[in-house]
Amino acid sequence: MKSTLLRLLAAVAATLLLSACASVEVADYRAERPLLDLRQFFSGQLEGWGMFQDRSGKVIKRFHVVIDARWQGDTGTLDERFTWSDGPAGGNPERRVWTLTDLGGGRYGGTAGDVVGVAAGEVAGNALRWRYVLALPVDGKVVEVDFDDWMYLVDDKVMLNRSFMSKYGFDLGEVTLTLMRRPS
């Protein structure tokens, strides 16, 4: 019995180790085109449509977002206003204001009021990967959730975004979003 349990634990540990080694890195996209220039894409007005799915794949919420994006030097501001399918809290759209900092070499830092610490971003080719912890209100409490956020530039007007949410390494769900630049 004890040796069976040890073999099972060893198999689980080996599977976790192998899956960690096989993960995708943003550098895997360095040859993809068009090249993503954060300052260029996140400049002006953007509009997006998305959904949140729980870990079973069921769509829990849908949303619309309008983003006012601008840069001054190495600092960008993304002023996001979300409207959710189940209605906004207090009758107003939810708002998140990101402050982005170009750290050079394709690396970015980001802060927002509900982001714990500093988000770490990296760009290569047509892809951006953001990793951060978001403080989410859930049933009257605030829960800190890990986000692994991937964005892929399709062309100069469209970006696809896929975010994976987890807590203590366990999948909670996924956010899918299509962003479009509004005509100037």
C-alpha atoms as a PDB file:
ATOM      1  CA  MET A   1       0.000   0.000   0.000  1.00  0.00           C
ATOM      2  CA  LYS A   2       2.753   2.420   0.992  1.00  0.00           C
ATOM      3  CA  SER A   3       4.825   1.699  -2.140  1.00  0.00           C
ATOM      4  CA  THR A   4       1.742   2.154  -4.359  1.00  0.00           C
ATOM      5  CA  LEU A   5       1.113   5.563  -2.799  1.00  0.00           C
ATOM      6  CA  LEU A   6       4.770   6.537  -3.260  1.00  0.00           C
ATOM      7  CA  ARG A   7       4.676   5.477  -6.938  1.00  0.00           C
ATOM      8  CA  LEU A   8       1.483   7.481  -7.459  1.00  0.00           C
ATOM      9  CA  LEU A   9       3.024  10.567  -5.849  1.00  0.00           C
ATOM     10  CA  ALA A  10       6.185  10.151  -7.943  1.00  0.00           C
ATOM     11  CA  ALA A  11       4.098   9.890 -11.133  1.00  0.00           C
ATOM     12  CA  VAL A  12       2.133  13.030 -10.241  1.00  0.00           C
ATOM     13  CA  ALA A  13       5.363  14.924  -9.447  1.00  0.00           C
ATOM     14  CA  ALA A  14       6.944  13.806 -12.737  1.00  0.00           C
ATOM     15  CA  THR A  15       3.844  14.883 -14.695  1.00  0.00           C
ATOM     16  CA  LEU A  16       3.863  18.310 -13.053  1.00  0.00           C
ATOM     17  CA  LEU A  17       7.577  18.719 -13.713  1.00  0.00           C
ATOM     18  CA  LEU A  18       7.242  17.736 -17.378  1.00  0.00           C
ATOM     19  CA  SER A  19       4.245  19.997 -17.936  1.00  0.00           C
ATOM     20  CA  ALA A  20       6.162  22.913 -16.388  1.00  0.00           C
ATOM     21  CA  CYS A  21       9.049  22.302 -18.795  1.00  0.00           C
ATOM     22  CA  ALA A  22       6.729  22.267 -21.805  1.00  0.00           C
ATOM     23  CA  SER A  23       5.131  25.663 -21.196  1.00  0.00           C
ATOM     24  CA  VAL A  24       4.956  28.277 -23.947  1.00  0.00           C
ATOM     25  CA  GLU A  25       7.204  31.330 -23.656  1.00  0.00           C
ATOM     26  CA  VAL A  26       6.634  34.715 -25.287  1.00  0.00           C
ATOM     27  CA  ALA A  27       9.970  34.316 -27.131  1.00  0.00           C
ATOM     28  CA  ASP A  28       8.338  31.465 -29.099  1.00  0.00           C
ATOM     29  CA  TYR A  29       6.494  34.216 -31.041  1.00  0.00           C
ATOM     30  CA  ARG A  30       9.491  36.404 -31.925  1.00  0.00           C
ATOM     31  CA  ALA A  31       9.260  35.560 -35.661  1.00  0.00           C
ATOM     32  CA  GLU A  32       5.485  36.173 -35.859  1.00  0.00           C
ATOM     33  CA  ARG A  33       4.205  39.182 -37.781  1.00  0.00           C
ATOM     34  CA  PRO A  34       2.930  41.835 -37.621  1.00  0.00           C
ATOM     35  CA  LEU A  35       5.285  43.062 -34.896  1.00  0.00           C
ATOM     36  CA  LEU A  36       3.476  44.319 -31.812  1.00  0.00           C
ATOM     37  CA  ASP A  37       4.378  47.861 -30.811  1.00  0.00           C
ATOM     38  CA  LEU A  38       2.496  48.552 -27.553  1.00  0.00           C
ATOM     39  CA  ARG A  39       2.750  52.315 -27.979  1.00  0.00           C
ATOM     40  CA  GLN A  40       1.260  52.122 -31.454  1.00  0.00           C
ATOM     41  CA  PHE A  41      -1.568  49.661 -30.763  1.00  0.00           C
ATOM     42  CA  PHE A  42      -2.513  51.070 -27.343  1.00  0.00           C
ATOM     43  CA  SER A  43      -2.878  54.641 -28.541  1.00  0.00           C
ATOM     44  CA  GLY A  44      -6.245  56.360 -28.963  1.00  0.00           C
ATOM     45  CA  GLN A  45      -9.620  54.692 -28.523  1.00  0.00           C
ATOM     46  CA  LEU A  46     -10.084  50.925 -28.422  1.00  0.00           C
ATOM     47  CA  GLU A  47     -13.206  48.844 -28.002  1.00  0.00           C
ATOM     48  CA  GLY A  48     -13.503  45.217 -26.945  1.00  0.00           C
ATOM     49  CA  TRP A  49     -15.952  42.384 -26.412  1.00  0.00           C
ATOM     50  CA  GLY A  50     -15.267  39.422 -24.191  1.00  0.00           C
ATOM     51  CA  MET A  51     -16.449  36.704 -21.857  1.00  0.00           C
ATOM     52  CA  PHE A  52     -15.449  34.906 -18.678  1.00  0.00           C
ATOM     53  CA  GLN A  53     -15.723  31.106 -18.619  1.00  0.00           C
ATOM     54  CA  ASP A  54     -15.400  29.017 -15.474  1.00  0.00           C
ATOM     55  CA  ARG A  55     -13.040  26.030 -15.384  1.00  0.00           C
ATOM     56  CA  SER A  56     -15.727  23.760 -16.889  1.00  0.00           C
ATOM     57  CA  GLY A  57     -15.988  26.071 -19.927  1.00  0.00           C
ATOM     58  CA  LYS A  58     -19.402  27.520 -19.034  1.00  0.00           C
ATOM     59  CA  VAL A  59     -19.781  31.198 -19.957  1.00  0.00           C
ATOM     60  CA  ILE A  60     -20.494  33.028 -16.688  1.00  0.00           C
ATOM     61  CA  LYS A  61     -20.318  36.671 -17.824  1.00  0.00           C
ATOM     62  CA  ARG A  62     -19.940  38.674 -20.994  1.00  0.00           C
ATOM     63  CA  PHE A  63     -18.607  42.207 -21.173  1.00  0.00           C
ATOM     64  CA  HIS A  64     -17.889  45.227 -23.322  1.00  0.00           C
ATOM     65  CA  VAL A  65     -14.867  47.480 -22.681  1.00  0.00           C
ATOM     66  CA  VAL A  66     -13.916  50.911 -23.989  1.00  0.00           C
ATOM     67  CA  ILE A  67     -10.266  51.937 -23.534  1.00  0.00           C
ATOM     68  CA  ASP A  68      -8.754  55.394 -23.799  1.00  0.00           C
ATOM     69  CA  ALA A  69      -5.009  54.805 -24.316  1.00  0.00           C
ATOM     70  CA  ARG A  70      -2.199  57.353 -24.448  1.00  0.00           C
ATOM     71  CA  TRP A  71       1.562  57.570 -23.952  1.00  0.00           C
ATOM     72  CA  GLN A  72       3.837  60.269 -22.628  1.00  0.00           C
ATOM     73  CA  GLY A  73       7.485  59.303 -22.937  1.00  0.00           C
ATOM     74  CA  ASP A  74       7.987  55.788 -21.531  1.00  0.00           C
ATOM     75  CA  THR A  75       4.707  55.882 -19.571  1.00  0.00           C
ATOM     76  CA  GLY A  76       1.369  54.736 -20.963  1.00  0.00           C
ATOM     77  CA  THR A  77      -2.111  55.045 -19.483  1.00  0.00           C
ATOM     78  CA  LEU A  78      -4.961  52.680 -20.331  1.00  0.00           C
ATOM     79  CA  ASP A  79      -8.266  53.957 -18.936  1.00  0.00           C
ATOM     80  CA  GLU A  80     -10.632  50.958 -19.191  1.00  0.00           C
ATOM     81  CA  ARG A  81     -14.420  51.085 -18.664  1.00  0.00           C
ATOM     82  CA  PHE A  82     -16.208  47.730 -18.480  1.00  0.00           C
ATOM     83  CA  THR A  83     -19.931  47.056 -18.819  1.00  0.00           C
ATOM     84  CA  TRP A  84     -20.908  43.535 -17.712  1.00  0.00           C
ATOM     85  CA  SER A  85     -23.810  41.402 -18.968  1.00  0.00           C
ATOM     86  CA  ASP A  86     -25.173  41.088 -15.420  1.00  0.00           C
ATOM     87  CA  GLY A  87     -25.192  44.881 -15.010  1.00  0.00           C
ATOM     88  CA  PRO A  88     -22.745  47.345 -13.521  1.00  0.00           C
ATOM     89  CA  ALA A  89     -22.373  47.819  -9.786  1.00  0.00           C
ATOM     90  CA  GLY A  90     -24.107  51.028  -8.730  1.00  0.00           C
ATOM     91  CA  GLY A  91     -25.303  51.699 -12.291  1.00  0.00           C
ATOM     92  CA  ASN A  92     -21.844  52.775 -13.522  1.00  0.00           C
ATOM     93  CA  PRO A  93     -19.309  50.936 -15.690  1.00  0.00           C
ATOM     94  CA  GLU A  94     -16.460  49.314 -13.782  1.00  0.00           C
ATOM     95  CA  ARG A  95     -13.233  51.258 -14.262  1.00  0.00           C
ATOM     96  CA  ARG A  96      -9.584  50.176 -14.206  1.00  0.00           C
ATOM     97  CA  VAL A  97      -6.746  52.568 -15.005  1.00  0.00           C
ATOM     98  CA  TRP A  98      -3.443  50.940 -15.909  1.00  0.00           C
ATOM     99  CA  THR A  99      -0.138  52.795 -15.798  1.00  0.00           C
ATOM    100  CA  LEU A 100       2.385  51.067 -18.064  1.00  0.00           C
ATOM    101  CA  THR A 101       6.138  51.630 -17.998  1.00  0.00           C
ATOM    102  CA  ASP A 102       8.426  50.697 -20.887  1.00  0.00           C
ATOM    103  CA  LEU A 103      11.420  49.039 -19.196  1.00  0.00           C
ATOM    104  CA  GLY A 104      13.292  48.478 -22.473  1.00  0.00           C
ATOM    105  CA  GLY A 105      14.159  45.256 -24.259  1.00  0.00           C
ATOM    106  CA  GLY A 106      10.498  44.353 -24.834  1.00  0.00           C
ATOM    107  CA  ARG A 107       9.727  44.376 -21.099  1.00  0.00           C
ATOM    108  CA  TYR A 108       6.978  46.394 -19.429  1.00  0.00           C
ATOM    109  CA  GLY A 109       5.742  46.982 -15.909  1.00  0.00           C
ATOM    110  CA  GLY A 110       2.152  47.832 -15.078  1.00  0.00           C
ATOM    111  CA  THR A 111       0.117  48.973 -12.099  1.00  0.00           C
ATOM    112  CA  ALA A 112      -3.592  49.525 -11.473  1.00  0.00           C
ATOM    113  CA  GLY A 113      -5.720  50.079  -8.384  1.00  0.00           C
ATOM    114  CA  ASP A 114      -6.834  46.446  -8.136  1.00  0.00           C
ATOM    115  CA  VAL A 115      -3.509  44.893  -9.218  1.00  0.00           C
ATOM    116  CA  VAL A 116      -1.383  43.590  -6.338  1.00  0.00           C
ATOM    117  CA  GLY A 117       2.218  44.733  -6.843  1.00  0.00           C
ATOM    118  CA  VAL A 118       3.523  45.277 -10.375  1.00  0.00           C
ATOM    119  CA  ALA A 119       2.397  43.371 -13.463  1.00  0.00           C
ATOM    120  CA  ALA A 120       5.247  41.961 -15.547  1.00  0.00           C
ATOM    121  CA  GLY A 121       4.897  42.158 -19.324  1.00  0.00           C
ATOM    122  CA  GLU A 122       7.041  40.934 -22.183  1.00  0.00           C
ATOM    123  CA  VAL A 123       6.626  41.468 -25.947  1.00  0.00           C
ATOM    124  CA  ALA A 124       8.086  39.331 -28.751  1.00  0.00           C
ATOM    125  CA  GLY A 125       6.906  39.264 -32.362  1.00  0.00           C
ATOM    126  CA  ASN A 126       3.135  39.694 -32.364  1.00  0.00           C
ATOM    127  CA  ALA A 127       2.612  38.593 -28.740  1.00  0.00           C
ATOM    128  CA  LEU A 128       2.434  40.173 -25.305  1.00  0.00           C
ATOM    129  CA  ARG A 129       2.389  38.183 -22.083  1.00  0.00           C
ATOM    130  CA  TRP A 130       1.241  39.883 -18.865  1.00  0.00           C
ATOM    131  CA  ARG A 131       1.512  38.195 -15.480  1.00  0.00           C
ATOM    132  CA  TYR A 132      -0.087  39.780 -12.445  1.00  0.00           C
ATOM    133  CA  VAL A 133      -2.235  39.286  -9.360  1.00  0.00           C
ATOM    134  CA  LEU A 134      -5.682  40.884  -9.402  1.00  0.00           C
ATOM    135  CA  ALA A 135      -7.715  41.607  -6.237  1.00  0.00           C
ATOM    136  CA  LEU A 136     -11.237  40.514  -7.215  1.00  0.00           C
ATOM    137  CA  PRO A 137     -14.356  41.139  -5.129  1.00  0.00           C
ATOM    138  CA  VAL A 138     -16.196  37.814  -4.711  1.00  0.00           C
ATOM    139  CA  ASP A 139     -19.245  37.396  -2.456  1.00  0.00           C
ATOM    140  CA  GLY A 140     -18.356  40.347  -0.237  1.00  0.00           C
ATOM    141  CA  LYS A 141     -14.675  39.359   0.079  1.00  0.00           C
ATOM    142  CA  VAL A 142     -11.585  40.250  -1.938  1.00  0.00           C
ATOM    143  CA  VAL A 143      -9.743  37.297  -3.446  1.00  0.00           C
ATOM    144  CA  GLU A 144      -6.267  37.617  -4.984  1.00  0.00           C
ATOM    145  CA  VAL A 145      -6.190  35.745  -8.296  1.00  0.00           C
ATOM    146  CA  ASP A 146      -3.192  35.031 -10.559  1.00  0.00           C
ATOM    147  CA  PHE A 147      -3.573  36.086 -14.207  1.00  0.00           C
ATOM    148  CA  ASP A 148      -1.508  34.769 -17.109  1.00  0.00           C
ATOM    149  CA  ASP A 149      -2.633  37.127 -19.834  1.00  0.00           C
ATOM    150  CA  TRP A 150      -1.687  36.552 -23.510  1.00  0.00           C
ATOM    151  CA  MET A 151      -2.384  39.078 -26.280  1.00  0.00           C
ATOM    152  CA  TYR A 152      -1.811  38.450 -29.991  1.00  0.00           C
ATOM    153  CA  LEU A 153      -1.791  41.186 -32.636  1.00  0.00           C
ATOM    154  CA  VAL A 154      -3.762  40.065 -35.696  1.00  0.00           C
ATOM    155  CA  ASP A 155      -3.301  43.261 -37.730  1.00  0.00           C
ATOM    156  CA  ASP A 156      -2.978  46.998 -37.044  1.00  0.00           C
ATOM    157  CA  LYS A 157      -6.608  47.170 -35.851  1.00  0.00           C
ATOM    158  CA  VAL A 158      -7.326  43.844 -34.058  1.00  0.00           C
ATOM    159  CA  MET A 159      -5.825  42.080 -31.052  1.00  0.00           C
ATOM    160  CA  LEU A 160      -6.967  38.789 -29.494  1.00  0.00           C
ATOM    161  CA  ASN A 161      -6.571  38.311 -25.743  1.00  0.00           C
ATOM    162  CA  ARG A 162      -6.746  35.105 -23.714  1.00  0.00           C
ATOM    163  CA  SER A 163      -6.283  35.228 -19.936  1.00  0.00           C
ATOM    164  CA  PHE A 164      -5.933  32.250 -17.648  1.00  0.00           C
ATOM    165  CA  MET A 165      -7.011  32.712 -14.017  1.00  0.00           C
ATOM    166  CA  SER A 166      -5.715  30.551 -11.177  1.00  0.00           C
ATOM    167  CA  LYS A 167      -5.375  30.430  -7.402  1.00  0.00           C
ATOM    168  CA  TYR A 168      -2.715  28.312  -5.672  1.00  0.00           C
ATOM    169  CA  GLY A 169      -1.985  26.744  -9.081  1.00  0.00           C
ATOM    170  CA  PHE A 170      -5.589  25.597  -9.627  1.00  0.00           C
ATOM    171  CA  ASP A 171      -7.444  26.788 -12.736  1.00  0.00           C
ATOM    172  CA  LEU A 172     -10.408  29.065 -11.990  1.00  0.00           C
ATOM    173  CA  GLY A 173     -11.400  30.066 -15.486  1.00  0.00           C
ATOM    174  CA  GLU A 174     -10.515  31.950 -18.609  1.00  0.00           C
ATOM    175  CA  VAL A 175     -11.202  35.365 -20.128  1.00  0.00           C
ATOM    176  CA  THR A 176     -11.390  35.763 -23.907  1.00  0.00           C
ATOM    177  CA  LEU A 177     -11.411  39.243 -25.439  1.00  0.00           C
ATOM    178  CA  THR A 178     -11.284  40.792 -28.911  1.00  0.00           C
ATOM    179  CA  LEU A 179      -9.902  44.355 -29.008  1.00  0.00           C
ATOM    180  CA  MET A 180     -10.337  46.709 -31.957  1.00  0.00           C
ATOM    181  CA  ARG A 181      -8.791  50.112 -32.514  1.00  0.00           C
ATOM    182  CA  ARG A 182     -11.437  52.716 -33.292  1.00  0.00           C
ATOM    183  CA  PRO A 183     -10.829  54.817 -36.415  1.00  0.00           C
ATOM    184  CA  SER A 184      -9.072  58.102 -35.607  1.00  0.00           C
END
